[in-house]
PDB file of N, CA and C in Angstrom:
ATOM      1  N   MET A   1      44.497  27.283  44.573  1.00  0.00           N
ATOM      2  CA  MET A   1      45.095  28.282  45.434  1.00  0.00           C
ATOM      3  C   MET A   1      46.475  27.780  45.887  1.00  0.00           C
ATOM      4  N   PHE A   2      47.482  28.644  45.745  1.00  0.00           N
ATOM      5  CA  PHE A   2      48.841  28.271  46.125  1.00  0.00           C
ATOM      6  C   PHE A   2      49.152  28.803  47.507  1.00  0.00           C
ATOM      7  N   GLU A   3      49.769  27.978  48.309  1.00  0.00           N
ATOM      8  CA  GLU A   3      50.152  28.372  49.655  1.00  0.00           C
ATOM      9  C   GLU A   3      51.652  28.649  49.686  1.00  0.00           C
ATOM     10  N   THR A   4      52.066  29.614  50.486  1.00  0.00           N
ATOM     11  CA  THR A   4      53.472  29.955  50.618  1.00  0.00           C
ATOM     12  C   THR A   4      54.228  28.783  51.252  1.00  0.00           C
ATOM     13  N   PRO A   5      55.363  28.381  50.658  1.00  0.00           N
ATOM     14  CA  PRO A   5      56.151  27.298  51.271  1.00  0.00           C
ATOM     15  C   PRO A   5      56.557  27.675  52.700  1.00  0.00           C
ATOM     16  N   LEU A   6      56.592  26.701  53.562  1.00  0.00           N
ATOM     17  CA  LEU A   6      56.865  26.933  54.977  1.00  0.00           C
ATOM     18  C   LEU A   6      58.160  27.709  55.210  1.00  0.00           C
ATOM     19  N   ASN A   7      59.224  27.378  54.473  1.00  0.00           N
ATOM     20  CA  ASN A   7      60.505  28.062  54.677  1.00  0.00           C
ATOM     21  C   ASN A   7      60.502  29.506  54.179  1.00  0.00           C
ATOM     22  N   GLN A   8      59.472  29.921  53.484  1.00  0.00           N
ATOM     23  CA  GLN A   8      59.378  31.296  52.992  1.00  0.00           C
ATOM     24  C   GLN A   8      58.537  32.182  53.919  1.00  0.00           C
ATOM     25  N   LYS A   9      57.971  31.593  54.948  1.00  0.00           N
ATOM     26  CA  LYS A   9      57.149  32.359  55.890  1.00  0.00           C
ATOM     27  C   LYS A   9      58.039  33.040  56.928  1.00  0.00           C
ATOM     28  N   THR A  10      57.572  34.178  57.437  1.00  0.00           N
ATOM     29  CA  THR A  10      58.292  34.917  58.465  1.00  0.00           C
ATOM     30  C   THR A  10      58.024  34.303  59.832  1.00  0.00           C
ATOM     31  N   VAL A  11      59.089  34.187  60.619  1.00  0.00           N
ATOM     32  CA  VAL A  11      59.005  33.652  61.976  1.00  0.00           C
ATOM     33  C   VAL A  11      59.433  34.753  62.942  1.00  0.00           C
ATOM     34  N   THR A  12      58.688  34.941  63.993  1.00  0.00           N
ATOM     35  CA  THR A  12      59.057  35.910  65.023  1.00  0.00           C
ATOM     36  C   THR A  12      59.798  35.173  66.129  1.00  0.00           C
ATOM     37  N   VAL A  13      60.991  35.684  66.464  1.00  0.00           N
ATOM     38  CA  VAL A  13      61.826  35.060  67.481  1.00  0.00           C
ATOM     39  C   VAL A  13      62.133  36.093  68.551  1.00  0.00           C
ATOM     40  N   ARG A  14      62.002  35.694  69.801  1.00  0.00           N
ATOM     41  CA  ARG A  14      62.323  36.596  70.904  1.00  0.00           C
ATOM     42  C   ARG A  14      63.581  36.084  71.588  1.00  0.00           C
ATOM     43  N   ILE A  15      64.644  36.895  71.512  1.00  0.00           N
ATOM     44  CA  ILE A  15      65.900  36.543  72.164  1.00  0.00           C
ATOM     45  C   ILE A  15      66.460  37.794  72.828  1.00  0.00           C
ATOM     46  N   LYS A  16      67.385  37.588  73.748  1.00  0.00           N
ATOM     47  CA  LYS A  16      68.048  38.716  74.406  1.00  0.00           C
ATOM     48  C   LYS A  16      69.043  39.338  73.432  1.00  0.00           C
ATOM     49  N   ARG A  17      69.339  40.607  73.650  1.00  0.00           N
ATOM     50  CA  ARG A  17      70.281  41.329  72.789  1.00  0.00           C
ATOM     51  C   ARG A  17      71.628  40.619  72.729  1.00  0.00           C
ATOM     52  N   ILE A  18      72.115  40.147  73.863  1.00  0.00           N
ATOM     53  CA  ILE A  18      73.410  39.465  73.896  1.00  0.00           C
ATOM     54  C   ILE A  18      73.386  38.199  73.051  1.00  0.00           C
ATOM     55  N   GLU A  19      72.244  37.514  72.996  1.00  0.00           N
ATOM     56  CA  GLU A  19      72.124  36.322  72.161  1.00  0.00           C
ATOM     57  C   GLU A  19      72.184  36.694  70.683  1.00  0.00           C
ATOM     58  N   LEU A  20      71.614  37.831  70.337  1.00  0.00           N
ATOM     59  CA  LEU A  20      71.698  38.320  68.962  1.00  0.00           C
ATOM     60  C   LEU A  20      73.151  38.642  68.615  1.00  0.00           C
ATOM     61  N   CYS A  21      73.867  39.248  69.543  1.00  0.00           N
ATOM     62  CA  CYS A  21      75.291  39.527  69.324  1.00  0.00           C
ATOM     63  C   CYS A  21      76.066  38.220  69.139  1.00  0.00           C
ATOM     64  N   ASP A  22      75.720  37.199  69.929  1.00  0.00           N
ATOM     65  CA  ASP A  22      76.373  35.898  69.779  1.00  0.00           C
ATOM     66  C   ASP A  22      76.104  35.297  68.403  1.00  0.00           C
ATOM     67  N   LEU A  23      74.888  35.457  67.893  1.00  0.00           N
ATOM     68  CA  LEU A  23      74.561  34.964  66.552  1.00  0.00           C
ATOM     69  C   LEU A  23      75.374  35.694  65.481  1.00  0.00           C
ATOM     70  N   LEU A  24      75.582  36.993  65.667  1.00  0.00           N
ATOM     71  CA  LEU A  24      76.414  37.750  64.732  1.00  0.00           C
ATOM     72  C   LEU A  24      77.847  37.211  64.724  1.00  0.00           C
ATOM     73  N   LEU A  25      78.373  36.938  65.907  1.00  0.00           N
ATOM     74  CA  LEU A  25      79.722  36.365  65.995  1.00  0.00           C
ATOM     75  C   LEU A  25      79.783  34.984  65.341  1.00  0.00           C
ATOM     76  N   ALA A  26      78.751  34.187  65.551  1.00  0.00           N
ATOM     77  CA  ALA A  26      78.715  32.847  64.949  1.00  0.00           C
ATOM     78  C   ALA A  26      78.668  32.936  63.429  1.00  0.00           C
ATOM     79  N   CYS A  27      77.872  33.850  62.907  1.00  0.00           N
ATOM     80  CA  CYS A  27      77.810  34.019  61.442  1.00  0.00           C
ATOM     81  C   CYS A  27      79.171  34.419  60.887  1.00  0.00           C
ATOM     82  N   THR A  28      79.857  35.293  61.598  1.00  0.00           N
ATOM     83  CA  THR A  28      81.188  35.721  61.163  1.00  0.00           C
ATOM     84  C   THR A  28      82.157  34.548  61.158  1.00  0.00           C
ATOM     85  N   ALA A  29      82.113  33.737  62.207  1.00  0.00           N
ATOM     86  CA  ALA A  29      83.013  32.586  62.292  1.00  0.00           C
ATOM     87  C   ALA A  29      82.717  31.570  61.193  1.00  0.00           C
ATOM     88  N   ILE A  30      81.450  31.292  60.956  1.00  0.00           N
ATOM     89  CA  ILE A  30      81.084  30.320  59.924  1.00  0.00           C
ATOM     90  C   ILE A  30      81.456  30.844  58.543  1.00  0.00           C
ATOM     91  N   SER A  31      81.224  32.119  58.313  1.00  0.00           N
ATOM     92  CA  SER A  31      81.580  32.718  57.024  1.00  0.00           C
ATOM     93  C   SER A  31      83.088  32.635  56.799  1.00  0.00           C
ATOM     94  N   SER A  32      83.858  32.936  57.823  1.00  0.00           N
ATOM     95  CA  SER A  32      85.321  32.864  57.707  1.00  0.00           C
ATOM     96  C   SER A  32      85.785  31.448  57.417  1.00  0.00           C
ATOM     97  N   ALA A  33      85.180  30.472  58.085  1.00  0.00           N
ATOM     98  CA  ALA A  33      85.536  29.068  57.848  1.00  0.00           C
ATOM     99  C   ALA A  33      85.176  28.651  56.422  1.00  0.00           C
ATOM    100  N   ALA A  34      84.015  29.100  55.960  1.00  0.00           N
ATOM    101  CA  ALA A  34      83.595  28.771  54.588  1.00  0.00           C
ATOM    102  C   ALA A  34      84.569  29.370  53.578  1.00  0.00           C
ATOM    103  N   LYS A  35      84.962  30.609  53.813  1.00  0.00           N
ATOM    104  CA  LYS A  35      85.899  31.265  52.897  1.00  0.00           C
ATOM    105  C   LYS A  35      87.262  30.576  52.916  1.00  0.00           C
ATOM    106  N   ALA A  36      87.675  30.087  54.095  1.00  0.00           N
ATOM    107  CA  ALA A  36      88.945  29.364  54.196  1.00  0.00           C
ATOM    108  C   ALA A  36      88.892  28.050  53.414  1.00  0.00           C
ATOM    109  N   ASP A  37      87.679  27.520  53.250  1.00  0.00           N
ATOM    110  CA  ASP A  37      87.485  26.281  52.478  1.00  0.00           C
ATOM    111  C   ASP A  37      87.232  26.559  51.002  1.00  0.00           C
ATOM    112  N   GLY A  38      87.368  27.823  50.599  1.00  0.00           N
ATOM    113  CA  GLY A  38      87.207  28.167  49.193  1.00  0.00           C
ATOM    114  C   GLY A  38      85.786  28.486  48.778  1.00  0.00           C
ATOM    115  N   GLU A  39      84.873  28.574  49.734  1.00  0.00           N
ATOM    116  CA  GLU A  39      83.488  28.937  49.430  1.00  0.00           C
ATOM    117  C   GLU A  39      83.326  30.447  49.589  1.00  0.00           C
ATOM    118  N   THR A  40      82.165  30.963  49.200  1.00  0.00           N
ATOM    119  CA  THR A  40      81.958  32.416  49.272  1.00  0.00           C
ATOM    120  C   THR A  40      81.552  32.887  50.661  1.00  0.00           C
ATOM    121  N   GLY A  41      80.838  32.062  51.417  1.00  0.00           N
ATOM    122  CA  GLY A  41      80.322  32.483  52.719  1.00  0.00           C
ATOM    123  C   GLY A  41      79.150  33.434  52.595  1.00  0.00           C
ATOM    124  N   LYS A  42      78.641  33.625  51.377  1.00  0.00           N
ATOM    125  CA  LYS A  42      77.575  34.603  51.126  1.00  0.00           C
ATOM    126  C   LYS A  42      76.339  34.365  51.979  1.00  0.00           C
ATOM    127  N   LYS A  43      75.934  33.117  52.122  1.00  0.00           N
ATOM    128  CA  LYS A  43      74.752  32.796  52.928  1.00  0.00           C
ATOM    129  C   LYS A  43      74.903  33.358  54.345  1.00  0.00           C
ATOM    130  N   TRP A  44      76.088  33.193  54.921  1.00  0.00           N
ATOM    131  CA  TRP A  44      76.328  33.623  56.295  1.00  0.00           C
ATOM    132  C   TRP A  44      76.551  35.127  56.377  1.00  0.00           C
ATOM    133  N   ASP A  45      77.163  35.707  55.351  1.00  0.00           N
ATOM    134  CA  ASP A  45      77.326  37.165  55.305  1.00  0.00           C
ATOM    135  C   ASP A  45      75.964  37.845  55.187  1.00  0.00           C
ATOM    136  N   ASP A  46      75.093  37.304  54.364  1.00  0.00           N
ATOM    137  CA  ASP A  46      73.748  37.876  54.203  1.00  0.00           C
ATOM    138  C   ASP A  46      72.951  37.781  55.495  1.00  0.00           C
ATOM    139  N   LEU A  47      73.040  36.630  56.164  1.00  0.00           N
ATOM    140  CA  LEU A  47      72.334  36.459  57.435  1.00  0.00           C
ATOM    141  C   LEU A  47      72.902  37.416  58.479  1.00  0.00           C
ATOM    142  N   HIS A  48      74.221  37.561  58.509  1.00  0.00           N
ATOM    143  CA  HIS A  48      74.873  38.501  59.428  1.00  0.00           C
ATOM    144  C   HIS A  48      74.345  39.916  59.198  1.00  0.00           C
ATOM    145  N   ASP A  49      74.277  40.329  57.938  1.00  0.00           N
ATOM    146  CA  ASP A  49      73.811  41.679  57.617  1.00  0.00           C
ATOM    147  C   ASP A  49      72.366  41.890  58.062  1.00  0.00           C
ATOM    148  N   LYS A  50      71.539  40.872  57.874  1.00  0.00           N
ATOM    149  CA  LYS A  50      70.135  40.965  58.271  1.00  0.00           C
ATOM    150  C   LYS A  50      70.014  41.082  59.793  1.00  0.00           C
ATOM    151  N   LEU A  51      70.758  40.255  60.501  1.00  0.00           N
ATOM    152  CA  LEU A  51      70.732  40.309  61.968  1.00  0.00           C
ATOM    153  C   LEU A  51      71.309  41.629  62.474  1.00  0.00           C
ATOM    154  N   CYS A  52      72.351  42.120  61.819  1.00  0.00           N
ATOM    155  CA  CYS A  52      72.966  43.386  62.210  1.00  0.00           C
ATOM    156  C   CYS A  52      71.985  44.545  62.049  1.00  0.00           C
ATOM    157  N   ALA A  53      71.212  44.523  60.986  1.00  0.00           N
ATOM    158  CA  ALA A  53      70.204  45.567  60.771  1.00  0.00           C
ATOM    159  C   ALA A  53      69.143  45.528  61.870  1.00  0.00           C
ATOM    160  N   ILE A  54      68.764  44.335  62.292  1.00  0.00           N
ATOM    161  CA  ILE A  54      67.794  44.196  63.381  1.00  0.00           C
ATOM    162  C   ILE A  54      68.381  44.752  64.674  1.00  0.00           C
ATOM    163  N   LEU A  55      69.650  44.449  64.942  1.00  0.00           N
ATOM    164  CA  LEU A  55      70.316  44.965  66.140  1.00  0.00           C
ATOM    165  C   LEU A  55      70.428  46.484  66.090  1.00  0.00           C
ATOM    166  N   ASP A  56      70.825  47.031  64.952  1.00  0.00           N
ATOM    167  CA  ASP A  56      70.928  48.489  64.808  1.00  0.00           C
ATOM    168  C   ASP A  56      69.582  49.161  65.049  1.00  0.00           C
ATOM    169  N   ASP A  57      68.516  48.583  64.504  1.00  0.00           N
ATOM    170  CA  ASP A  57      67.178  49.127  64.693  1.00  0.00           C
ATOM    171  C   ASP A  57      66.782  49.087  66.171  1.00  0.00           C
ATOM    172  N   PHE A  58      67.067  47.983  66.826  1.00  0.00           N
ATOM    173  CA  PHE A  58      66.774  47.847  68.261  1.00  0.00           C
ATOM    174  C   PHE A  58      67.519  48.916  69.052  1.00  0.00           C
ATOM    175  N   ASP A  59      68.812  49.076  68.765  1.00  0.00           N
ATOM    176  CA  ASP A  59      69.633  50.050  69.498  1.00  0.00           C
ATOM    177  C   ASP A  59      69.133  51.480  69.287  1.00  0.00           C
ATOM    178  N   LYS A  60      68.715  51.805  68.074  1.00  0.00           N
ATOM    179  CA  LYS A  60      68.179  53.145  67.810  1.00  0.00           C
ATOM    180  C   LYS A  60      66.907  53.399  68.612  1.00  0.00           C
ATOM    181  N   LYS A  61      66.057  52.393  68.698  1.00  0.00           N
ATOM    182  CA  LYS A  61      64.793  52.534  69.419  1.00  0.00           C
ATOM    183  C   LYS A  61      64.999  52.627  70.919  1.00  0.00           C
ATOM    184  N   HIS A  62      66.105  52.080  71.420  1.00  0.00           N
ATOM    185  CA  HIS A  62      66.335  52.037  72.863  1.00  0.00           C
ATOM    186  C   HIS A  62      67.495  52.910  73.318  1.00  0.00           C
ATOM    187  N   ALA A  63      67.919  53.846  72.455  1.00  0.00           N
ATOM    188  CA  ALA A  63      69.027  54.751  72.817  1.00  0.00           C
ATOM    189  C   ALA A  63      68.553  55.722  73.888  1.00  0.00           C
ATOM    190  N   SER A  64      69.459  56.020  74.790  1.00  0.00           N
ATOM    191  CA  SER A  64      69.108  56.943  75.886  1.00  0.00           C
ATOM    192  C   SER A  64      69.356  58.370  75.486  1.00  0.00           C
TER     193      SER A  64
END
């Protein structure tokens, strides 16, 4: 029987909305720095997109 590698498992994290926004800003900054160094920044762009989708979903659910 094969077990899922630990890094492939889903983790539930509870943070404030503002902290999620801060993570989005951090991903943008890291991606920009990577691109300035000649790298693609894809890892950070993908993470940014994933976090942004979570934020958009949260905002839709909590819209007044």
